[in-house]
Protein backbone atom coordinates (compact mmCIF):
# COMPACT_ATOMS: atom_id res chain seq x y z
CA UNK A 1 26.81 -26.57 10.51
CA UNK A 2 24.63 -23.46 10.44
CA UNK A 3 26.40 -20.43 11.90
CA UNK A 4 24.17 -17.60 13.08
CA UNK A 5 25.68 -14.12 13.07
CA UNK A 6 24.65 -10.90 14.77
CA UNK A 7 23.66 -7.82 12.76
CA UNK A 8 26.13 -4.93 12.76
CA UNK A 9 25.17 -1.34 13.36
CA UNK A 10 21.55 -0.29 13.95
CA UNK A 11 20.03 -0.18 17.39
CA UNK A 12 16.36 -0.83 18.17
CA UNK A 13 15.74 2.88 18.64
CA UNK A 14 16.98 3.50 15.07
CA UNK A 15 13.99 1.66 13.60
CA UNK A 16 11.43 4.03 12.13
CA UNK A 17 8.20 2.09 12.40
CA UNK A 18 5.15 2.84 10.31
CA UNK A 19 1.95 0.83 10.08
CA UNK A 20 1.50 -1.19 6.91
CA UNK A 21 -1.68 -3.00 5.88
CA UNK A 22 -2.48 -6.03 3.78
CA UNK A 23 -1.50 -4.19 0.60
CA UNK A 24 2.11 -4.21 1.77
CA UNK A 25 4.09 -7.42 1.73
CA UNK A 26 5.60 -7.41 5.21
CA UNK A 27 6.86 -5.10 7.89
CA UNK A 28 10.66 -5.24 7.74
CA UNK A 29 11.67 -4.63 11.36
CA UNK A 30 11.08 -6.29 14.71
CA UNK A 31 7.79 -6.19 16.61
CA UNK A 32 7.45 -2.72 18.14
CA UNK A 33 5.41 -3.92 21.13
CA UNK A 34 8.02 -6.46 22.21
CA UNK A 35 11.43 -5.27 21.02
CA UNK A 36 13.88 -4.94 23.90
CA UNK A 37 16.17 -1.92 23.97
CA UNK A 38 19.01 -4.31 24.87
CA UNK A 39 18.19 -6.78 22.09
CA UNK A 40 20.94 -8.04 19.80
CA UNK A 41 18.86 -10.26 17.52
CA UNK A 42 20.26 -13.14 15.52
CA UNK A 43 20.57 -12.35 11.83
CA UNK A 44 20.76 -15.04 9.16
CA UNK A 45 21.90 -13.81 5.76
CA UNK A 46 20.44 -14.81 2.39
CA UNK A 47 23.62 -16.26 0.88
CA UNK A 48 22.79 -19.50 -0.92
CA UNK A 49 19.06 -18.92 -0.48
CA UNK A 50 16.05 -17.83 -2.44
CA UNK A 51 13.74 -15.64 -0.36
CA UNK A 52 10.49 -14.26 -1.69
CA UNK A 53 7.01 -13.04 -0.95
CA UNK A 54 4.41 -15.58 -2.06
CA UNK A 55 0.63 -15.47 -2.37
CA UNK A 56 -1.51 -18.20 -0.82
CA UNK A 57 -5.11 -18.21 -2.11
CA UNK A 58 -7.23 -18.76 1.03
CA UNK A 59 -10.67 -20.46 1.14
CA UNK A 60 -12.39 -17.13 1.79
CA UNK A 61 -10.95 -15.66 -1.40
CA UNK A 62 -8.29 -13.60 0.38
CA UNK A 63 -4.87 -13.52 -1.27
CA UNK A 64 -2.84 -14.36 1.81
CA UNK A 65 0.77 -13.11 1.81
CA UNK A 66 3.54 -15.41 2.93
CA UNK A 67 7.31 -15.18 3.35
CA UNK A 68 9.26 -18.11 1.91
CA UNK A 69 12.92 -19.08 2.16
CA UNK A 70 14.53 -22.08 0.47
CA UNK A 71 17.92 -23.36 -0.66
CA UNK A 72 19.16 -22.00 -3.97
CA UNK A 73 19.51 -25.46 -5.44
CA UNK A 74 17.67 -28.00 -7.52
CA UNK A 75 15.60 -30.78 -6.02
CA UNK A 76 12.67 -31.32 -3.69
CA UNK A 77 13.23 -30.35 -0.09
CA UNK A 78 11.57 -31.10 3.25
CA UNK A 79 9.35 -28.23 4.29
CA UNK A 80 8.35 -26.47 7.50
CA UNK A 81 5.41 -24.09 7.91
CA UNK A 82 6.34 -21.42 10.48
CA UNK A 83 3.35 -20.10 12.45
CA UNK A 84 4.04 -16.64 13.86
CA UNK A 85 3.53 -15.01 17.22
CA UNK A 86 0.84 -12.37 17.68
CA UNK A 87 3.19 -9.87 16.02
CA UNK A 88 2.88 -11.48 12.61
CA UNK A 89 5.56 -12.06 10.00
CA UNK A 90 8.19 -9.60 11.19
CA UNK A 91 11.98 -9.90 11.00
CA UNK A 92 12.30 -12.54 13.73
CA UNK A 93 9.89 -14.93 11.98
CA UNK A 94 11.54 -14.30 8.61
CA UNK A 95 14.92 -15.04 10.18
CA UNK A 96 13.61 -18.35 11.53
CA UNK A 97 12.58 -19.21 7.96
CA UNK A 98 16.09 -18.42 6.73
CA UNK A 99 17.62 -20.55 9.50
CA UNK A 100 15.61 -23.50 8.23
CA UNK A 101 16.54 -22.76 4.62
CA UNK A 102 20.26 -22.67 5.48
CA UNK A 103 19.86 -26.22 6.80
CA UNK A 104 18.21 -27.46 3.61
CA UNK A 105 14.52 -26.88 4.27
CA UNK A 106 11.85 -24.91 2.50
CA UNK A 107 10.23 -22.68 5.14
CA UNK A 108 7.14 -20.53 4.72
CA UNK A 109 5.38 -18.19 7.16
CA UNK A 110 1.76 -17.22 6.31
CA UNK A 111 0.61 -13.77 7.48
CA UNK A 112 -2.56 -14.69 9.37
CA UNK A 113 -3.50 -11.20 10.57
CA UNK A 114 -3.13 -8.88 7.57
CA UNK A 115 -6.79 -9.08 6.56
CA UNK A 116 -7.25 -6.55 9.37
CA UNK A 117 -3.80 -5.01 9.73
CA UNK A 118 -0.12 -5.65 10.32
CA UNK A 119 0.48 -5.91 14.09
CA UNK A 120 4.28 -5.75 13.91
CA UNK A 121 4.80 -1.94 13.71
CA UNK A 122 2.27 -1.20 16.47
CA UNK A 123 3.70 -0.33 19.88
CA UNK A 124 0.37 -0.58 21.76
CA UNK A 125 -0.15 -4.22 22.77
CA UNK A 126 -3.88 -3.60 23.20
CA UNK A 127 -4.14 -2.52 19.57
CA UNK A 128 -2.13 -5.58 18.54
CA UNK A 129 -4.54 -7.86 20.38
CA UNK A 130 -7.54 -6.22 18.70
CA UNK A 131 -6.10 -7.22 15.34
CA UNK A 132 -5.17 -10.73 16.45
CA UNK A 133 -8.56 -11.40 18.07
CA UNK A 134 -10.25 -11.03 14.70
CA UNK A 135 -8.38 -14.02 13.26
CA UNK A 136 -10.65 -16.95 14.17
CA UNK A 137 -9.31 -20.47 14.54
CA UNK A 138 -11.42 -21.45 11.54
CA UNK A 139 -9.83 -18.72 9.42
CA UNK A 140 -6.32 -19.64 10.52
CA UNK A 141 -6.86 -23.34 9.82
CA UNK A 142 -8.13 -22.31 6.38
CA UNK A 143 -4.91 -20.33 5.92
CA UNK A 144 -2.87 -23.38 6.91
CA UNK A 145 -4.81 -25.45 4.40
CA UNK A 146 -4.11 -22.84 1.71
CA UNK A 147 -0.41 -22.94 2.58
CA UNK A 148 -0.35 -26.74 2.27
CA UNK A 149 -2.10 -26.58 -1.10
CA UNK A 150 0.40 -24.00 -2.34
CA UNK A 151 3.37 -26.06 -1.16
CA UNK A 152 2.16 -29.22 -2.84
CA UNK A 153 2.11 -27.36 -6.14
CA UNK A 154 5.78 -26.34 -5.97
CA UNK A 155 8.46 -28.39 -7.71
CA UNK A 156 10.97 -27.65 -4.93
CA UNK A 157 8.80 -29.15 -2.16
CA UNK A 158 8.75 -32.82 -1.16
CA UNK A 159 5.03 -33.16 -0.28
CA UNK A 160 5.71 -36.30 1.75
CA UNK A 161 7.93 -34.43 4.21
CA UNK A 162 6.08 -31.43 5.64
CA UNK A 163 6.11 -30.30 9.27
CA UNK A 164 4.90 -27.26 11.20
CA UNK A 165 6.34 -25.23 14.04
CA UNK A 166 5.09 -22.10 15.76
CA UNK A 167 5.83 -19.65 18.56
CA UNK A 168 3.45 -18.28 21.22
CA UNK A 169 0.19 -17.80 19.27
CA UNK A 170 1.76 -19.99 16.60
CA UNK A 171 2.44 -22.71 19.15
CA UNK A 172 -1.29 -23.08 19.68
CA UNK A 173 -1.76 -23.01 15.90
CA UNK A 174 0.75 -25.87 15.63
CA UNK A 175 -1.23 -28.12 17.99
CA UNK A 176 -4.48 -27.33 16.16
CA UNK A 177 -2.98 -27.82 12.71
CA UNK A 178 -1.67 -31.26 13.64
CA UNK A 179 -5.15 -32.11 14.95
CA UNK A 180 -6.82 -30.79 11.80
CA UNK A 181 -4.65 -31.92 8.88
CA UNK A 182 -3.24 -35.31 8.00
CA UNK A 183 -0.54 -33.75 5.81
CA UNK A 184 2.02 -33.13 8.54
CA UNK A 185 4.64 -35.66 9.59
CA UNK A 186 5.09 -33.83 12.91
CA UNK A 187 4.82 -30.49 14.68
CA UNK A 188 6.86 -28.53 17.24
CA UNK A 189 4.92 -26.09 19.44
CA UNK A 190 6.88 -23.41 21.27
CA UNK A 191 4.92 -22.21 24.34
CA UNK A 192 1.48 -22.19 22.74
CA UNK A 193 -1.92 -22.24 24.43
CA UNK A 194 -3.27 -25.73 25.03
CA UNK A 195 -6.19 -25.45 27.46
CA UNK A 196 -9.13 -23.03 27.83
CA UNK A 197 -9.21 -20.41 30.60
CA UNK A 198 -11.31 -20.97 33.71
CA UNK A 199 -14.17 -18.96 32.18
CA UNK A 200 -15.02 -19.32 28.49
CA UNK A 201 -17.75 -17.13 26.93
CA UNK A 202 -20.84 -19.13 26.01
CA UNK A 203 -20.69 -17.95 22.41
CA UNK A 204 -16.97 -18.71 22.00
CA UNK A 205 -15.99 -20.63 18.87
CA UNK A 206 -12.39 -20.97 20.01
CA UNK A 207 -10.77 -24.37 19.51
CA UNK A 208 -8.59 -25.72 22.32
CA UNK A 209 -5.90 -28.32 21.58
CA UNK A 210 -6.52 -30.29 24.79
CA UNK A 211 -10.09 -30.95 23.68
CA UNK A 212 -9.00 -32.29 20.29
CA UNK A 213 -6.03 -34.46 21.24
CA UNK A 214 -7.81 -37.59 20.06
CA UNK A 215 -7.69 -36.14 16.54
CA UNK A 216 -3.90 -35.72 16.45
CA UNK A 217 -2.65 -37.00 13.10
CA UNK A 218 1.06 -36.85 13.93
CA UNK A 219 3.50 -36.48 16.84
CA UNK A 220 3.89 -33.04 18.45
CA UNK A 221 6.81 -31.84 20.55
CA UNK A 222 5.90 -29.09 23.02
CA UNK A 223 8.64 -26.75 24.30
CA UNK A 224 7.59 -24.71 27.34
CA UNK A 225 9.12 -22.63 30.11
CA UNK A 226 8.26 -23.40 33.73
CA UNK A 227 8.04 -19.66 34.48
CA UNK A 228 5.41 -19.16 31.79
CA UNK A 229 1.78 -18.97 32.91
CA UNK A 230 0.87 -21.31 30.06
CA UNK A 231 2.82 -24.07 31.83
CA UNK A 232 -0.19 -24.49 34.13
CA UNK A 233 -1.92 -26.30 31.28
CA UNK A 234 0.81 -28.91 30.84
CA UNK A 235 -0.55 -31.52 33.32
CA UNK A 236 -3.96 -31.50 31.62
CA UNK A 237 -2.38 -31.76 28.17
CA UNK A 238 -0.11 -34.61 29.24
CA UNK A 239 -3.08 -36.43 30.76
CA UNK A 240 -5.11 -35.95 27.57
CA UNK A 241 -2.24 -37.23 25.42
CA UNK A 242 -1.90 -40.30 27.62
CA UNK A 243 -5.65 -40.98 27.62
CA UNK A 244 -5.70 -40.75 23.81
CA UNK A 245 -2.64 -43.04 23.57
CA UNK A 246 -0.67 -40.36 21.73
CA UNK A 247 2.60 -41.66 23.13
CA UNK A 248 4.75 -40.27 20.33
CA UNK A 249 4.01 -36.70 21.47
CA UNK A 250 5.83 -35.13 24.41
CA UNK A 251 6.23 -31.85 26.28
CA UNK A 252 9.62 -30.57 27.43
CA UNK A 253 9.73 -28.01 30.25
CA UNK A 254 12.68 -25.69 30.87
CA UNK A 255 12.85 -24.77 34.58
CA UNK A 256 14.51 -21.38 34.12
CA UNK A 257 12.62 -20.22 31.03
CA UNK A 258 9.58 -17.98 30.75
CA UNK A 259 7.27 -17.22 27.86
CA UNK A 260 8.99 -16.30 24.59
CA UNK A 261 12.34 -17.80 25.53
CA UNK A 262 13.27 -18.41 21.87
CA UNK A 263 12.51 -14.82 20.77
CA UNK A 264 15.99 -13.31 20.52
CA UNK A 265 14.70 -9.73 20.08
CA UNK A 266 12.84 -9.75 23.41
CA UNK A 267 13.93 -9.49 27.04
CA UNK A 268 12.43 -12.95 27.59
CA UNK A 269 15.15 -14.56 25.45
CA UNK A 270 17.03 -17.42 27.11
CA UNK A 271 19.93 -18.31 24.82
CA UNK A 272 20.77 -21.68 26.40
CA UNK A 273 17.19 -22.97 26.41
CA UNK A 274 16.51 -21.54 22.94
CA UNK A 275 19.55 -23.39 21.60
CA UNK A 276 18.55 -26.62 23.30
CA UNK A 277 14.99 -26.30 22.01
CA UNK A 278 16.23 -25.73 18.46
CA UNK A 279 18.43 -28.83 18.70
CA UNK A 280 15.47 -30.84 19.97
CA UNK A 281 13.30 -29.47 17.15
CA UNK A 282 15.77 -30.59 14.48
CA UNK A 283 16.14 -34.02 16.07
CA UNK A 284 12.34 -34.38 16.28
CA UNK A 285 11.92 -33.47 12.63
CA UNK A 286 14.61 -35.97 11.66
CA UNK A 287 13.12 -38.71 13.84
CA UNK A 288 9.81 -38.23 12.06
CA UNK A 289 11.26 -38.25 8.56
CA UNK A 290 11.41 -34.50 7.89
CA UNK A 291 15.09 -33.81 7.45
CA UNK A 292 17.44 -32.73 4.64
CA UNK A 293 19.46 -35.53 3.06
CA UNK A 294 22.69 -34.26 4.58
CA UNK A 295 21.29 -33.91 8.12
CA UNK A 296 23.05 -35.86 10.88
CA UNK A 297 21.76 -35.88 14.44
CA UNK A 298 24.20 -34.67 17.09
């Protein structure tokens, strides 16, 4: 069983945050724009793991950084791509990768936004969104494709057992990736956007998962909070899934949860629902053939 421990010492206000660009590997702390003063984030150590910065050659020629964690053992392992929130590959996302690795997975998080800048150290949410808005869906899907290509070239990856999960922004990426690529066995989307807003600019090139449901290549599990504004899109997404006969996909709604309920460094964190969602995620991966050899469902 994986045991998650809390970090000792250090309070959020002790973090000295400085902006780092694409030349740096990753920001090492928690997202400045979302870190709660009362946060006591989960910390997963690196014992028994190999963690490293990797380079993922993207279609546009950019050398995309990624954070990878895997078991320190021989063999080929099931793999999960972890799609980040708008804050990029900060400590929370890296910890999620280590949680997977402790269970016997390879986990990799591509840094979608660093072509423009690293959003994690920035305290101004408006400035964060300016960076994120410049990452088009086409670019991000190219980055996912680059990550898949990289993984298939590694001797420690079982290319037949690859899944994707993502949080917030990354939840929407998860839906789109499973609609775009046939390489995934399944996906788990944590509170990601599914439907367009009431008014969409005429020149928008944004891709919306609800409009591409018929292209789903694999089952997707959606995990959403009823108190999240994004929950308003659930009826339309469920209807689209049903109309496309995608009966292996489902959406779970937690009545007492809001947006970001898995993010243990934010005030939105809901420990009970986060734990239940994680259990459902692992069971969904196992049900769809993406599980370590020693995994046993509860």
